[in-house]
């Protein structure tokens, strides 16, 4: 015997959306606001000269480890990070292209292209100099946030979204997710080790990339909702 919920109570059924529930676009918008606020708080915190002094100590301690393997890994990561990220982006682009999801291809391209102007705007706005020590690689311009880590965060974050949307088994998605996050971690660590950035520069890049992805997701979801409603 199947029980029917009274008409007045059907809105509380688990399969029915909760009244007044936030849409996906609004959730992403709130997330981007939280991340953006966190970035501003971090920027205000690192202005303190004492913070930079402490971060310089961290960089020197990291370098003092002195393992040849670590030094080689950091330099190798510096050399291959750009082609590696291009490879990740091309592989991730294959998912919507194979499925002929051209709108998703366009949205993805816009998200990735936005990384360069976003990096320029943030560096110019915060105007923070790089660590006051001899870098192991050439580094120019302002340091907050790290452009390399910001690009890695946006490319990897977008690739993670494509991975979650794929039909791969959860175990495969998990392995891919860990590998992708490892790329961001290595890029960020290499920028610190090589003396190009402070730790807070790397943290700011991760926050900024997540904020940008959230904003793009909110905008794209809004466009989809409007097209479905039309």
Protein backbone atom coordinates (compact mmCIF):
# COMPACT_ATOMS: atom_id res chain seq x y z
CA UNK A 1 0.00 0.00 0.00
CA UNK A 2 1.50 3.35 -1.08
CA UNK A 3 0.91 6.32 1.16
CA UNK A 4 0.26 9.72 -0.41
CA UNK A 5 1.43 12.87 1.26
CA UNK A 6 -1.30 15.42 1.86
CA UNK A 7 -1.31 18.19 -0.73
CA UNK A 8 -0.22 20.72 1.86
CA UNK A 9 2.80 18.60 2.81
CA UNK A 10 4.12 17.58 -0.62
CA UNK A 11 6.50 20.52 -0.68
CA UNK A 12 8.43 18.84 2.14
CA UNK A 13 8.98 15.62 0.18
CA UNK A 14 12.72 14.80 -0.17
CA UNK A 15 12.45 14.75 -3.97
CA UNK A 16 11.01 18.26 -4.05
CA UNK A 17 13.38 21.25 -3.95
CA UNK A 18 13.30 23.03 -0.62
CA UNK A 19 11.21 26.20 -0.82
CA UNK A 20 13.44 29.22 -1.27
CA UNK A 21 16.54 27.10 -1.97
CA UNK A 22 19.37 28.99 -3.64
CA UNK A 23 20.03 28.30 -7.29
CA UNK A 24 23.39 26.94 -8.39
CA UNK A 25 24.39 30.29 -9.84
CA UNK A 26 23.63 32.07 -6.55
CA UNK A 27 25.65 29.50 -4.61
CA UNK A 28 28.65 30.05 -6.88
CA UNK A 29 28.16 33.81 -6.59
CA UNK A 30 28.17 33.62 -2.78
CA UNK A 31 31.26 31.40 -2.90
CA UNK A 32 33.05 33.90 -5.15
CA UNK A 33 32.13 36.72 -2.76
CA UNK A 34 33.55 34.77 0.19
CA UNK A 35 36.75 34.00 -1.72
CA UNK A 36 37.11 37.58 -2.93
CA UNK A 37 36.70 38.89 0.61
CA UNK A 38 39.31 36.38 1.81
CA UNK A 39 41.72 37.64 -0.83
CA UNK A 40 41.29 41.24 0.33
CA UNK A 41 41.82 40.22 3.96
CA UNK A 42 44.99 38.34 3.01
CA UNK A 43 46.25 41.35 1.03
CA UNK A 44 45.67 43.62 4.02
CA UNK A 45 47.50 41.17 6.28
CA UNK A 46 50.66 40.83 4.17
CA UNK A 47 51.20 44.60 4.01
CA UNK A 48 52.79 44.30 7.46
CA UNK A 49 56.61 44.32 7.00
CA UNK A 50 56.93 41.75 9.77
CA UNK A 51 55.00 39.25 7.68
CA UNK A 52 57.46 39.54 4.79
CA UNK A 53 60.39 39.01 7.17
CA UNK A 54 58.81 35.81 8.49
CA UNK A 55 58.10 34.58 4.98
CA UNK A 56 61.71 35.21 3.96
CA UNK A 57 62.78 32.95 6.80
CA UNK A 58 60.47 30.22 5.46
CA UNK A 59 61.97 30.50 1.98
CA UNK A 60 65.52 30.30 3.35
CA UNK A 61 64.61 27.25 5.45
CA UNK A 62 63.13 25.55 2.40
CA UNK A 63 66.29 26.23 0.41
CA UNK A 64 68.50 25.08 3.28
CA UNK A 65 67.20 21.53 2.90
CA UNK A 66 69.87 21.30 0.22
CA UNK A 67 68.85 18.02 -1.43
CA UNK A 68 70.03 17.87 -5.03
CA UNK A 69 66.88 15.95 -5.96
CA UNK A 70 64.64 18.69 -4.55
CA UNK A 71 66.63 21.40 -6.31
CA UNK A 72 66.43 19.50 -9.59
CA UNK A 73 62.70 18.88 -9.19
CA UNK A 74 61.98 22.57 -8.57
CA UNK A 75 64.01 23.66 -11.60
CA UNK A 76 62.39 20.97 -13.75
CA UNK A 77 58.94 22.08 -12.65
CA UNK A 78 59.84 25.64 -13.60
CA UNK A 79 60.82 24.52 -17.10
CA UNK A 80 57.89 22.22 -17.85
CA UNK A 81 54.99 23.95 -16.08
CA UNK A 82 53.79 25.90 -19.14
CA UNK A 83 53.77 22.95 -21.60
CA UNK A 84 52.32 20.74 -18.86
CA UNK A 85 49.40 23.12 -18.27
CA UNK A 86 48.82 23.42 -22.03
CA UNK A 87 48.67 19.62 -22.21
CA UNK A 88 46.18 19.48 -19.32
CA UNK A 89 44.00 22.11 -21.01
CA UNK A 90 44.05 20.29 -24.37
CA UNK A 91 43.11 16.97 -22.80
CA UNK A 92 40.31 18.59 -20.80
CA UNK A 93 39.02 20.33 -23.94
CA UNK A 94 38.62 16.91 -25.54
CA UNK A 95 35.63 16.06 -23.30
CA UNK A 96 33.21 18.76 -24.54
CA UNK A 97 34.57 18.61 -28.11
CA UNK A 98 33.98 14.86 -28.41
CA UNK A 99 30.45 15.37 -27.09
CA UNK A 100 29.95 18.35 -29.44
CA UNK A 101 29.09 20.60 -26.51
CA UNK A 102 30.15 23.75 -28.32
CA UNK A 103 28.64 26.11 -25.79
CA UNK A 104 30.71 24.49 -23.06
CA UNK A 105 33.79 24.78 -25.27
CA UNK A 106 33.17 28.53 -25.63
CA UNK A 107 32.58 29.00 -21.92
CA UNK A 108 35.74 27.07 -21.11
CA UNK A 109 37.79 29.14 -23.54
CA UNK A 110 36.51 32.38 -21.99
CA UNK A 111 37.37 31.12 -18.50
CA UNK A 112 40.94 30.25 -19.49
CA UNK A 113 41.56 33.40 -21.54
CA UNK A 114 40.52 35.49 -18.54
CA UNK A 115 43.53 34.28 -16.53
CA UNK A 116 45.99 36.72 -18.14
CA UNK A 117 44.02 39.96 -17.62
CA UNK A 118 43.00 38.82 -14.12
CA UNK A 119 46.65 38.32 -13.19
CA UNK A 120 47.61 41.75 -14.57
CA UNK A 121 44.78 43.52 -12.73
CA UNK A 122 45.57 41.89 -9.39
CA UNK A 123 49.32 42.49 -9.60
CA UNK A 124 48.77 46.13 -10.54
CA UNK A 125 46.16 46.65 -7.83
CA UNK A 126 48.15 45.15 -4.94
CA UNK A 127 51.56 46.41 -6.13
CA UNK A 128 53.60 44.04 -3.94
CA UNK A 129 57.29 43.51 -4.59
CA UNK A 130 58.93 40.10 -4.80
CA UNK A 131 61.06 38.55 -2.03
CA UNK A 132 64.19 40.53 -1.19
CA UNK A 133 66.66 37.75 -1.99
CA UNK A 134 68.49 36.44 -5.02
CA UNK A 135 66.02 34.37 -7.10
CA UNK A 136 67.24 31.19 -8.77
CA UNK A 137 65.26 32.07 -11.92
CA UNK A 138 64.45 35.29 -13.72
CA UNK A 139 61.37 37.00 -12.23
CA UNK A 140 60.01 40.42 -13.17
CA UNK A 141 57.14 42.67 -12.12
CA UNK A 142 55.05 42.51 -8.99
CA UNK A 143 54.62 39.31 -7.01
CA UNK A 144 51.12 39.30 -5.52
CA UNK A 145 49.62 37.00 -6.66
CA UNK A 146 51.83 34.48 -8.46
CA UNK A 147 50.93 34.46 -12.14
CA UNK A 148 52.23 30.93 -12.68
CA UNK A 149 50.23 29.54 -9.77
CA UNK A 150 47.13 31.54 -10.74
CA UNK A 151 47.24 30.08 -14.25
CA UNK A 152 47.82 26.60 -12.86
CA UNK A 153 44.91 26.99 -10.44
CA UNK A 154 42.52 28.12 -13.18
CA UNK A 155 43.56 25.44 -15.68
CA UNK A 156 43.55 22.66 -13.08
CA UNK A 157 40.31 23.86 -11.47
CA UNK A 158 38.60 23.87 -14.84
CA UNK A 159 40.06 20.44 -15.68
CA UNK A 160 38.68 19.15 -12.37
CA UNK A 161 35.23 20.41 -13.37
CA UNK A 162 35.54 18.57 -16.69
CA UNK A 163 36.67 15.44 -14.85
CA UNK A 164 33.66 15.53 -12.54
CA UNK A 165 31.35 15.94 -15.55
CA UNK A 166 32.91 12.95 -17.31
CA UNK A 167 31.59 9.39 -17.31
CA UNK A 168 34.76 7.99 -15.76
CA UNK A 169 34.53 5.77 -12.69
CA UNK A 170 34.80 7.55 -9.35
CA UNK A 171 38.13 5.85 -8.64
CA UNK A 172 39.53 7.24 -11.90
CA UNK A 173 38.15 10.70 -11.14
CA UNK A 174 39.74 10.59 -7.70
CA UNK A 175 43.14 9.62 -9.09
CA UNK A 176 42.94 12.33 -11.74
CA UNK A 177 41.87 14.88 -9.14
CA UNK A 178 44.81 14.07 -6.87
CA UNK A 179 47.24 14.24 -9.81
CA UNK A 180 45.85 17.59 -10.96
CA UNK A 181 46.01 19.10 -7.49
CA UNK A 182 49.57 17.82 -7.25
CA UNK A 183 50.47 19.92 -10.28
CA UNK A 184 49.24 23.10 -8.59
CA UNK A 185 51.09 22.20 -5.40
CA UNK A 186 54.36 21.62 -7.27
CA UNK A 187 54.02 24.83 -9.27
CA UNK A 188 53.40 26.84 -6.11
CA UNK A 189 56.20 25.15 -4.17
CA UNK A 190 58.67 25.70 -7.01
CA UNK A 191 57.87 29.43 -7.14
CA UNK A 192 58.58 29.72 -3.41
CA UNK A 193 61.76 27.61 -3.52
CA UNK A 194 63.16 29.52 -6.48
CA UNK A 195 62.68 32.82 -4.65
CA UNK A 196 60.16 34.28 -7.07
CA UNK A 197 57.30 34.53 -4.56
CA UNK A 198 56.32 34.57 -0.92
CA UNK A 199 54.09 31.85 0.50
CA UNK A 200 51.24 34.36 0.75
CA UNK A 201 51.58 35.10 -2.98
CA UNK A 202 50.89 31.44 -3.70
CA UNK A 203 47.96 31.32 -1.28
CA UNK A 204 46.51 34.44 -2.91
CA UNK A 205 46.80 32.79 -6.33
CA UNK A 206 44.85 29.74 -5.18
CA UNK A 207 42.11 31.92 -3.69
CA UNK A 208 41.94 34.15 -6.78
CA UNK A 209 41.75 31.20 -9.19
CA UNK A 210 38.93 29.59 -7.18
CA UNK A 211 37.13 32.95 -7.08
CA UNK A 212 37.42 33.40 -10.85
CA UNK A 213 36.16 29.87 -11.56
CA UNK A 214 33.21 30.42 -9.19
CA UNK A 215 32.30 33.69 -10.92
CA UNK A 216 32.45 32.05 -14.35
CA UNK A 217 30.37 29.11 -13.17
CA UNK A 218 27.76 31.48 -11.73
CA UNK A 219 27.58 33.47 -14.97
CA UNK A 220 27.39 30.38 -17.20
CA UNK A 221 24.70 28.78 -15.04
CA UNK A 222 22.66 31.99 -15.21
CA UNK A 223 22.88 31.99 -19.01
CA UNK A 224 21.80 28.35 -19.18
CA UNK A 225 18.84 29.00 -16.88
CA UNK A 226 17.70 31.94 -19.01
CA UNK A 227 18.00 29.95 -22.24
CA UNK A 228 15.93 27.12 -20.77
CA UNK A 229 13.29 29.55 -19.52
CA UNK A 230 13.04 31.30 -22.90
